[in-house]
ModelCIF file with pLDDT and N, C-alpha, C, O atoms, coordinates in Angstrom:
data_MODEL
#
_entry.id   MODEL 
#
_entity.id                         1 
_entity.type                       polymer 
_entity.pdbx_number_of_molecules   1 
#
_entity_poly.entity_id                      1 
_entity_poly.type                           'polypeptide(L)' 
_entity_poly.nstd_linkage                   no 
_entity_poly.nstd_monomer                   no 
_entity_poly.pdbx_seq_one_letter_code       VPDGSVTDGVDLLPFIEGESPNQEYPHNVLYWSRGSQGA 
_entity_poly.pdbx_seq_one_letter_code_can   VPDGSVTDGVDLLPFIEGESPNQEYPHNVLYWSRGSQGA 
_entity_poly.pdbx_strand_id                 A 
#
loop_
_entity_poly_seq.entity_id 
_entity_poly_seq.num 
_entity_poly_seq.mon_id 
_entity_poly_seq.hetero 
1 1  VAL n 
1 2  PRO n 
1 3  ASP n 
1 4  GLY n 
1 5  SER n 
1 6  VAL n 
1 7  THR n 
1 8  ASP n 
1 9  GLY n 
1 10 VAL n 
1 11 ASP n 
1 12 LEU n 
1 13 LEU n 
1 14 PRO n 
1 15 PHE n 
1 16 ILE n 
1 17 GLU n 
1 18 GLY n 
1 19 GLU n 
1 20 SER n 
1 21 PRO n 
1 22 ASN n 
1 23 GLN n 
1 24 GLU n 
1 25 TYR n 
1 26 PRO n 
1 27 HIS n 
1 28 ASN n 
1 29 VAL n 
1 30 LEU n 
1 31 TYR n 
1 32 TRP n 
1 33 SER n 
1 34 ARG n 
1 35 GLY n 
1 36 SER n 
1 37 GLN n 
1 38 GLY n 
1 39 ALA n 
#
_struct_asym.id          A 
_struct_asym.entity_id   1 
#
loop_
_ma_qa_metric.id 
_ma_qa_metric.mode 
_ma_qa_metric.name 
_ma_qa_metric.software_group_id 
_ma_qa_metric.type 
1 global pLDDT . pLDDT 
2 local  pLDDT . pLDDT 
#
_ma_qa_metric_global.metric_id      1 
_ma_qa_metric_global.metric_value   90.28 
_ma_qa_metric_global.model_id       1 
_ma_qa_metric_global.ordinal_id     1 
#
loop_
_ma_qa_metric_local.label_asym_id 
_ma_qa_metric_local.label_comp_id 
_ma_qa_metric_local.label_seq_id 
_ma_qa_metric_local.metric_id 
_ma_qa_metric_local.metric_value 
_ma_qa_metric_local.model_id 
_ma_qa_metric_local.ordinal_id 
A VAL 1  2 96.00 1 1  
A PRO 2  2 95.00 1 2  
A ASP 3  2 94.00 1 3  
A GLY 4  2 94.00 1 4  
A SER 5  2 96.00 1 5  
A VAL 6  2 96.00 1 6  
A THR 7  2 97.00 1 7  
A ASP 8  2 98.00 1 8  
A GLY 9  2 98.00 1 9  
A VAL 10 2 97.00 1 10 
A ASP 11 2 97.00 1 11 
A LEU 12 2 97.00 1 12 
A LEU 13 2 96.00 1 13 
A PRO 14 2 94.00 1 14 
A PHE 15 2 94.00 1 15 
A ILE 16 2 92.00 1 16 
A GLU 17 2 90.00 1 17 
A GLY 18 2 79.00 1 18 
A GLU 19 2 73.00 1 19 
A SER 20 2 64.00 1 20 
A PRO 21 2 57.00 1 21 
A ASN 22 2 60.00 1 22 
A GLN 23 2 63.00 1 23 
A GLU 24 2 85.00 1 24 
A TYR 25 2 91.00 1 25 
A PRO 26 2 95.00 1 26 
A HIS 27 2 96.00 1 27 
A ASN 28 2 94.00 1 28 
A VAL 29 2 98.00 1 29 
A LEU 30 2 98.00 1 30 
A TYR 31 2 98.00 1 31 
A TRP 32 2 98.00 1 32 
A SER 33 2 96.00 1 33 
A ARG 34 2 94.00 1 34 
A GLY 35 2 84.00 1 35 
A SER 36 2 86.00 1 36 
A GLN 37 2 95.00 1 37 
A GLY 38 2 98.00 1 38 
A ALA 39 2 98.00 1 39 
#
loop_
_atom_site.group_PDB 
_atom_site.id 
_atom_site.type_symbol 
_atom_site.label_atom_id 
_atom_site.label_alt_id 
_atom_site.label_comp_id 
_atom_site.label_asym_id 
_atom_site.label_entity_id 
_atom_site.label_seq_id 
_atom_site.pdbx_PDB_ins_code 
_atom_site.Cartn_x 
_atom_site.Cartn_y 
_atom_site.Cartn_z 
_atom_site.occupancy 
_atom_site.B_iso_or_equiv 
_atom_site.pdbx_formal_charge 
_atom_site.auth_seq_id 
_atom_site.auth_comp_id 
_atom_site.auth_asym_id 
_atom_site.auth_atom_id 
_atom_site.pdbx_PDB_model_num 
ATOM 1   N N  . VAL A 1 1  ? 132.603 164.257 65.319 1.00 96.00 ? 1  VAL A N  1 
ATOM 2   C CA . VAL A 1 1  ? 133.153 165.484 65.897 1.00 96.00 ? 1  VAL A CA 1 
ATOM 3   C C  . VAL A 1 1  ? 132.811 166.637 64.953 1.00 96.00 ? 1  VAL A C  1 
ATOM 4   O O  . VAL A 1 1  ? 133.054 166.522 63.752 1.00 96.00 ? 1  VAL A O  1 
ATOM 5   N N  . PRO A 1 2  ? 132.263 167.729 65.448 1.00 95.00 ? 2  PRO A N  1 
ATOM 6   C CA . PRO A 1 2  ? 131.841 168.836 64.585 1.00 95.00 ? 2  PRO A CA 1 
ATOM 7   C C  . PRO A 1 2  ? 132.980 169.401 63.737 1.00 95.00 ? 2  PRO A C  1 
ATOM 8   O O  . PRO A 1 2  ? 134.130 169.449 64.174 1.00 95.00 ? 2  PRO A O  1 
ATOM 9   N N  . ASP A 1 3  ? 132.647 169.822 62.540 1.00 94.00 ? 3  ASP A N  1 
ATOM 10  C CA . ASP A 1 3  ? 133.624 170.456 61.651 1.00 94.00 ? 3  ASP A CA 1 
ATOM 11  C C  . ASP A 1 3  ? 134.234 171.680 62.326 1.00 94.00 ? 3  ASP A C  1 
ATOM 12  O O  . ASP A 1 3  ? 133.543 172.435 63.011 1.00 94.00 ? 3  ASP A O  1 
ATOM 13  N N  . GLY A 1 4  ? 135.519 171.862 62.126 1.00 94.00 ? 4  GLY A N  1 
ATOM 14  C CA . GLY A 1 4  ? 136.215 173.013 62.685 1.00 94.00 ? 4  GLY A CA 1 
ATOM 15  C C  . GLY A 1 4  ? 136.756 172.788 64.071 1.00 94.00 ? 4  GLY A C  1 
ATOM 16  O O  . GLY A 1 4  ? 137.481 173.631 64.598 1.00 94.00 ? 4  GLY A O  1 
ATOM 17  N N  . SER A 1 5  ? 136.412 171.653 64.679 1.00 96.00 ? 5  SER A N  1 
ATOM 18  C CA . SER A 1 5  ? 136.897 171.342 66.022 1.00 96.00 ? 5  SER A CA 1 
ATOM 19  C C  . SER A 1 5  ? 138.201 170.563 65.917 1.00 96.00 ? 5  SER A C  1 
ATOM 20  O O  . SER A 1 5  ? 138.253 169.524 65.259 1.00 96.00 ? 5  SER A O  1 
ATOM 21  N N  . VAL A 1 6  ? 139.252 171.059 66.562 1.00 96.00 ? 6  VAL A N  1 
ATOM 22  C CA . VAL A 1 6  ? 140.556 170.398 66.528 1.00 96.00 ? 6  VAL A CA 1 
ATOM 23  C C  . VAL A 1 6  ? 140.515 169.181 67.449 1.00 96.00 ? 6  VAL A C  1 
ATOM 24  O O  . VAL A 1 6  ? 140.140 169.294 68.616 1.00 96.00 ? 6  VAL A O  1 
ATOM 25  N N  . THR A 1 7  ? 140.896 168.036 66.931 1.00 97.00 ? 7  THR A N  1 
ATOM 26  C CA . THR A 1 7  ? 140.865 166.802 67.707 1.00 97.00 ? 7  THR A CA 1 
ATOM 27  C C  . THR A 1 7  ? 142.142 166.003 67.488 1.00 97.00 ? 7  THR A C  1 
ATOM 28  O O  . THR A 1 7  ? 142.520 165.730 66.349 1.00 97.00 ? 7  THR A O  1 
ATOM 29  N N  . ASP A 1 8  ? 142.806 165.627 68.576 1.00 98.00 ? 8  ASP A N  1 
ATOM 30  C CA . ASP A 1 8  ? 143.970 164.757 68.513 1.00 98.00 ? 8  ASP A CA 1 
ATOM 31  C C  . ASP A 1 8  ? 143.634 163.342 68.961 1.00 98.00 ? 8  ASP A C  1 
ATOM 32  O O  . ASP A 1 8  ? 144.381 162.405 68.679 1.00 98.00 ? 8  ASP A O  1 
ATOM 33  N N  . GLY A 1 9  ? 142.511 163.184 69.659 1.00 98.00 ? 9  GLY A N  1 
ATOM 34  C CA . GLY A 1 9  ? 142.070 161.864 70.082 1.00 98.00 ? 9  GLY A CA 1 
ATOM 35  C C  . GLY A 1 9  ? 141.503 161.083 68.913 1.00 98.00 ? 9  GLY A C  1 
ATOM 36  O O  . GLY A 1 9  ? 141.207 161.649 67.860 1.00 98.00 ? 9  GLY A O  1 
ATOM 37  N N  . VAL A 1 10 ? 141.353 159.777 69.100 1.00 97.00 ? 10 VAL A N  1 
ATOM 38  C CA . VAL A 1 10 ? 140.815 158.921 68.050 1.00 97.00 ? 10 VAL A CA 1 
ATOM 39  C C  . VAL A 1 10 ? 139.665 158.084 68.606 1.00 97.00 ? 10 VAL A C  1 
ATOM 40  O O  . VAL A 1 10 ? 139.572 157.846 69.810 1.00 97.00 ? 10 VAL A O  1 
ATOM 41  N N  . ASP A 1 11 ? 138.798 157.649 67.704 1.00 97.00 ? 11 ASP A N  1 
ATOM 42  C CA . ASP A 1 11 ? 137.710 156.749 68.058 1.00 97.00 ? 11 ASP A CA 1 
ATOM 43  C C  . ASP A 1 11 ? 138.304 155.378 68.379 1.00 97.00 ? 11 ASP A C  1 
ATOM 44  O O  . ASP A 1 11 ? 138.937 154.758 67.523 1.00 97.00 ? 11 ASP A O  1 
ATOM 45  N N  . LEU A 1 12 ? 138.103 154.909 69.597 1.00 97.00 ? 12 LEU A N  1 
ATOM 46  C CA . LEU A 1 12 ? 138.700 153.649 70.021 1.00 97.00 ? 12 LEU A CA 1 
ATOM 47  C C  . LEU A 1 12 ? 137.912 152.419 69.568 1.00 97.00 ? 12 LEU A C  1 
ATOM 48  O O  . LEU A 1 12 ? 138.455 151.315 69.568 1.00 97.00 ? 12 LEU A O  1 
ATOM 49  N N  . LEU A 1 13 ? 136.646 152.584 69.182 1.00 96.00 ? 13 LEU A N  1 
ATOM 50  C CA . LEU A 1 13 ? 135.815 151.426 68.882 1.00 96.00 ? 13 LEU A CA 1 
ATOM 51  C C  . LEU A 1 13 ? 136.388 150.522 67.799 1.00 96.00 ? 13 LEU A C  1 
ATOM 52  O O  . LEU A 1 13 ? 136.399 149.306 67.990 1.00 96.00 ? 13 LEU A O  1 
ATOM 53  N N  . PRO A 1 14 ? 136.869 151.052 66.662 1.00 94.00 ? 14 PRO A N  1 
ATOM 54  C CA . PRO A 1 14 ? 137.405 150.146 65.637 1.00 94.00 ? 14 PRO A CA 1 
ATOM 55  C C  . PRO A 1 14 ? 138.602 149.331 66.130 1.00 94.00 ? 14 PRO A C  1 
ATOM 56  O O  . PRO A 1 14 ? 138.828 148.215 65.661 1.00 94.00 ? 14 PRO A O  1 
ATOM 57  N N  . PHE A 1 15 ? 139.350 149.872 67.051 1.00 94.00 ? 15 PHE A N  1 
ATOM 58  C CA . PHE A 1 15 ? 140.536 149.172 67.543 1.00 94.00 ? 15 PHE A CA 1 
ATOM 59  C C  . PHE A 1 15 ? 140.162 148.068 68.525 1.00 94.00 ? 15 PHE A C  1 
ATOM 60  O O  . PHE A 1 15 ? 140.699 146.962 68.463 1.00 94.00 ? 15 PHE A O  1 
ATOM 61  N N  . ILE A 1 16 ? 139.248 148.373 69.422 1.00 92.00 ? 16 ILE A N  1 
ATOM 62  C CA . ILE A 1 16 ? 138.904 147.372 70.433 1.00 92.00 ? 16 ILE A CA 1 
ATOM 63  C C  . ILE A 1 16 ? 137.927 146.339 69.890 1.00 92.00 ? 16 ILE A C  1 
ATOM 64  O O  . ILE A 1 16 ? 137.730 145.286 70.497 1.00 92.00 ? 16 ILE A O  1 
ATOM 65  N N  . GLU A 1 17 ? 137.309 146.641 68.737 1.00 90.00 ? 17 GLU A N  1 
ATOM 66  C CA . GLU A 1 17 ? 136.433 145.659 68.089 1.00 90.00 ? 17 GLU A CA 1 
ATOM 67  C C  . GLU A 1 17 ? 137.111 144.975 66.903 1.00 90.00 ? 17 GLU A C  1 
ATOM 68  O O  . GLU A 1 17 ? 136.487 144.186 66.193 1.00 90.00 ? 17 GLU A O  1 
ATOM 69  N N  . GLY A 1 18 ? 138.400 145.286 66.692 1.00 79.00 ? 18 GLY A N  1 
ATOM 70  C CA . GLY A 1 18 ? 139.159 144.622 65.647 1.00 79.00 ? 18 GLY A CA 1 
ATOM 71  C C  . GLY A 1 18 ? 138.770 144.998 64.243 1.00 79.00 ? 18 GLY A C  1 
ATOM 72  O O  . GLY A 1 18 ? 138.905 144.192 63.323 1.00 79.00 ? 18 GLY A O  1 
ATOM 73  N N  . GLU A 1 19 ? 138.281 146.229 64.058 1.00 73.00 ? 19 GLU A N  1 
ATOM 74  C CA . GLU A 1 19 ? 137.810 146.648 62.743 1.00 73.00 ? 19 GLU A CA 1 
ATOM 75  C C  . GLU A 1 19 ? 138.612 147.807 62.167 1.00 73.00 ? 19 GLU A C  1 
ATOM 76  O O  . GLU A 1 19 ? 138.178 148.439 61.204 1.00 73.00 ? 19 GLU A O  1 
ATOM 77  N N  . SER A 1 20 ? 139.773 148.094 62.743 1.00 64.00 ? 20 SER A N  1 
ATOM 78  C CA . SER A 1 20 ? 140.585 149.188 62.227 1.00 64.00 ? 20 SER A CA 1 
ATOM 79  C C  . SER A 1 20 ? 141.347 148.731 60.993 1.00 64.00 ? 20 SER A C  1 
ATOM 80  O O  . SER A 1 20 ? 142.143 147.797 61.086 1.00 64.00 ? 20 SER A O  1 
ATOM 81  N N  . PRO A 1 21 ? 141.129 149.363 59.830 1.00 57.00 ? 21 PRO A N  1 
ATOM 82  C CA . PRO A 1 21 ? 141.739 148.877 58.594 1.00 57.00 ? 21 PRO A CA 1 
ATOM 83  C C  . PRO A 1 21 ? 143.187 149.311 58.384 1.00 57.00 ? 21 PRO A C  1 
ATOM 84  O O  . PRO A 1 21 ? 143.901 148.695 57.593 1.00 57.00 ? 21 PRO A O  1 
ATOM 85  N N  . ASN A 1 22 ? 143.630 150.352 59.075 1.00 60.00 ? 22 ASN A N  1 
ATOM 86  C CA . ASN A 1 22 ? 144.911 150.962 58.725 1.00 60.00 ? 22 ASN A CA 1 
ATOM 87  C C  . ASN A 1 22 ? 146.045 150.677 59.692 1.00 60.00 ? 22 ASN A C  1 
ATOM 88  O O  . ASN A 1 22 ? 147.191 150.523 59.270 1.00 60.00 ? 22 ASN A O  1 
ATOM 89  N N  . GLN A 1 23 ? 145.749 150.605 60.969 1.00 63.00 ? 23 GLN A N  1 
ATOM 90  C CA . GLN A 1 23 ? 146.828 150.431 61.935 1.00 63.00 ? 23 GLN A CA 1 
ATOM 91  C C  . GLN A 1 23 ? 146.338 149.654 63.138 1.00 63.00 ? 23 GLN A C  1 
ATOM 92  O O  . GLN A 1 23 ? 145.149 149.640 63.458 1.00 63.00 ? 23 GLN A O  1 
ATOM 93  N N  . GLU A 1 24 ? 147.277 149.015 63.789 1.00 85.00 ? 24 GLU A N  1 
ATOM 94  C CA . GLU A 1 24 ? 146.936 148.148 64.913 1.00 85.00 ? 24 GLU A CA 1 
ATOM 95  C C  . GLU A 1 24 ? 146.743 148.936 66.201 1.00 85.00 ? 24 GLU A C  1 
ATOM 96  O O  . GLU A 1 24 ? 145.966 148.535 67.067 1.00 85.00 ? 24 GLU A O  1 
ATOM 97  N N  . TYR A 1 25 ? 147.451 150.060 66.330 1.00 91.00 ? 25 TYR A N  1 
ATOM 98  C CA . TYR A 1 25 ? 147.417 150.839 67.559 1.00 91.00 ? 25 TYR A CA 1 
ATOM 99  C C  . TYR A 1 25 ? 146.672 152.152 67.348 1.00 91.00 ? 25 TYR A C  1 
ATOM 100 O O  . TYR A 1 25 ? 146.811 152.780 66.298 1.00 91.00 ? 25 TYR A O  1 
ATOM 101 N N  . PRO A 1 26 ? 145.889 152.569 68.331 1.00 95.00 ? 26 PRO A N  1 
ATOM 102 C CA . PRO A 1 26 ? 145.226 153.875 68.216 1.00 95.00 ? 26 PRO A CA 1 
ATOM 103 C C  . PRO A 1 26 ? 146.226 155.022 68.063 1.00 95.00 ? 26 PRO A C  1 
ATOM 104 O O  . PRO A 1 26 ? 145.970 155.992 67.350 1.00 95.00 ? 26 PRO A O  1 
ATOM 105 N N  . HIS A 1 27 ? 147.374 154.895 68.748 1.00 96.00 ? 27 HIS A N  1 
ATOM 106 C CA . HIS A 1 27 ? 148.393 155.951 68.696 1.00 96.00 ? 27 HIS A CA 1 
ATOM 107 C C  . HIS A 1 27 ? 149.771 155.316 68.517 1.00 96.00 ? 27 HIS A C  1 
ATOM 108 O O  . HIS A 1 27 ? 150.181 154.469 69.311 1.00 96.00 ? 27 HIS A O  1 
ATOM 109 N N  . ASN A 1 28 ? 150.468 155.727 67.482 1.00 94.00 ? 28 ASN A N  1 
ATOM 110 C CA . ASN A 1 28 ? 151.856 155.285 67.316 1.00 94.00 ? 28 ASN A CA 1 
ATOM 111 C C  . ASN A 1 28 ? 152.792 156.074 68.221 1.00 94.00 ? 28 ASN A C  1 
ATOM 112 O O  . ASN A 1 28 ? 153.869 155.604 68.590 1.00 94.00 ? 28 ASN A O  1 
ATOM 113 N N  . VAL A 1 29 ? 152.357 157.290 68.573 1.00 98.00 ? 29 VAL A N  1 
ATOM 114 C CA . VAL A 1 29 ? 153.187 158.141 69.421 1.00 98.00 ? 29 VAL A CA 1 
ATOM 115 C C  . VAL A 1 29 ? 152.283 159.032 70.255 1.00 98.00 ? 29 VAL A C  1 
ATOM 116 O O  . VAL A 1 29 ? 151.239 159.482 69.784 1.00 98.00 ? 29 VAL A O  1 
ATOM 117 N N  . LEU A 1 30 ? 152.685 159.285 71.491 1.00 98.00 ? 30 LEU A N  1 
ATOM 118 C CA . LEU A 1 30 ? 151.964 160.182 72.390 1.00 98.00 ? 30 LEU A CA 1 
ATOM 119 C C  . LEU A 1 30 ? 152.945 161.180 72.990 1.00 98.00 ? 30 LEU A C  1 
ATOM 120 O O  . LEU A 1 30 ? 154.126 160.879 73.165 1.00 98.00 ? 30 LEU A O  1 
ATOM 121 N N  . TYR A 1 31 ? 152.438 162.381 73.305 1.00 98.00 ? 31 TYR A N  1 
ATOM 122 C CA . TYR A 1 31 ? 153.285 163.457 73.819 1.00 98.00 ? 31 TYR A CA 1 
ATOM 123 C C  . TYR A 1 31 ? 152.667 164.066 75.079 1.00 98.00 ? 31 TYR A C  1 
ATOM 124 O O  . TYR A 1 31 ? 151.451 164.063 75.272 1.00 98.00 ? 31 TYR A O  1 
ATOM 125 N N  . TRP A 1 32 ? 153.550 164.583 75.920 1.00 98.00 ? 32 TRP A N  1 
ATOM 126 C CA . TRP A 1 32 ? 153.139 165.361 77.091 1.00 98.00 ? 32 TRP A CA 1 
ATOM 127 C C  . TRP A 1 32 ? 154.135 166.500 77.260 1.00 98.00 ? 32 TRP A C  1 
ATOM 128 O O  . TRP A 1 32 ? 155.331 166.308 77.038 1.00 98.00 ? 32 TRP A O  1 
ATOM 129 N N  . SER A 1 33 ? 153.665 167.680 77.647 1.00 96.00 ? 33 SER A N  1 
ATOM 130 C CA . SER A 1 33 ? 154.623 168.774 77.819 1.00 96.00 ? 33 SER A CA 1 
ATOM 131 C C  . SER A 1 33 ? 154.055 169.901 78.658 1.00 96.00 ? 33 SER A C  1 
ATOM 132 O O  . SER A 1 33 ? 152.863 170.209 78.614 1.00 96.00 ? 33 SER A O  1 
ATOM 133 N N  . ARG A 1 34 ? 154.945 170.501 79.418 1.00 94.00 ? 34 ARG A N  1 
ATOM 134 C CA . ARG A 1 34 ? 154.672 171.782 80.068 1.00 94.00 ? 34 ARG A CA 1 
ATOM 135 C C  . ARG A 1 34 ? 155.842 172.729 79.814 1.00 94.00 ? 34 ARG A C  1 
ATOM 136 O O  . ARG A 1 34 ? 156.262 173.470 80.702 1.00 94.00 ? 34 ARG A O  1 
ATOM 137 N N  . GLY A 1 35 ? 156.363 172.692 78.584 1.00 84.00 ? 35 GLY A N  1 
ATOM 138 C CA . GLY A 1 35 ? 157.479 173.557 78.246 1.00 84.00 ? 35 GLY A CA 1 
ATOM 139 C C  . GLY A 1 35 ? 158.803 172.847 78.399 1.00 84.00 ? 35 GLY A C  1 
ATOM 140 O O  . GLY A 1 35 ? 159.207 172.076 77.530 1.00 84.00 ? 35 GLY A O  1 
ATOM 141 N N  . SER A 1 36 ? 159.485 173.108 79.511 1.00 86.00 ? 36 SER A N  1 
ATOM 142 C CA . SER A 1 36 ? 160.810 172.518 79.719 1.00 86.00 ? 36 SER A CA 1 
ATOM 143 C C  . SER A 1 36 ? 160.749 171.097 80.251 1.00 86.00 ? 36 SER A C  1 
ATOM 144 O O  . SER A 1 36 ? 161.783 170.445 80.394 1.00 86.00 ? 36 SER A O  1 
ATOM 145 N N  . GLN A 1 37 ? 159.556 170.613 80.544 1.00 95.00 ? 37 GLN A N  1 
ATOM 146 C CA . GLN A 1 37 ? 159.394 169.249 81.035 1.00 95.00 ? 37 GLN A CA 1 
ATOM 147 C C  . GLN A 1 37 ? 158.335 168.543 80.201 1.00 95.00 ? 37 GLN A C  1 
ATOM 148 O O  . GLN A 1 37 ? 157.390 169.165 79.715 1.00 95.00 ? 37 GLN A O  1 
ATOM 149 N N  . GLY A 1 38 ? 158.506 167.247 80.046 1.00 98.00 ? 38 GLY A N  1 
ATOM 150 C CA . GLY A 1 38 ? 157.522 166.505 79.285 1.00 98.00 ? 38 GLY A CA 1 
ATOM 151 C C  . GLY A 1 38 ? 157.990 165.098 78.979 1.00 98.00 ? 38 GLY A C  1 
ATOM 152 O O  . GLY A 1 38 ? 158.901 164.578 79.623 1.00 98.00 ? 38 GLY A O  1 
ATOM 153 N N  . ALA A 1 39 ? 157.356 164.486 77.987 1.00 98.00 ? 39 ALA A N  1 
ATOM 154 C CA . ALA A 1 39 ? 157.708 163.122 77.622 1.00 98.00 ? 39 ALA A CA 1 
ATOM 155 C C  . ALA A 1 39 ? 157.141 162.802 76.249 1.00 98.00 ? 39 ALA A C  1 
ATOM 156 O O  . ALA A 1 39 ? 157.325 161.693 75.748 1.00 98.00 ? 39 ALA A O  1 
#
């Protein structure tokens, strides 16, 4: 991903190929929002 580009997504390949060294899940937490509604 180019420098300076804000990214919240993660590369899924290490997780689905069993090569992720730090955590088992790509995301420990996910968010959704439109202000007064979300999850």
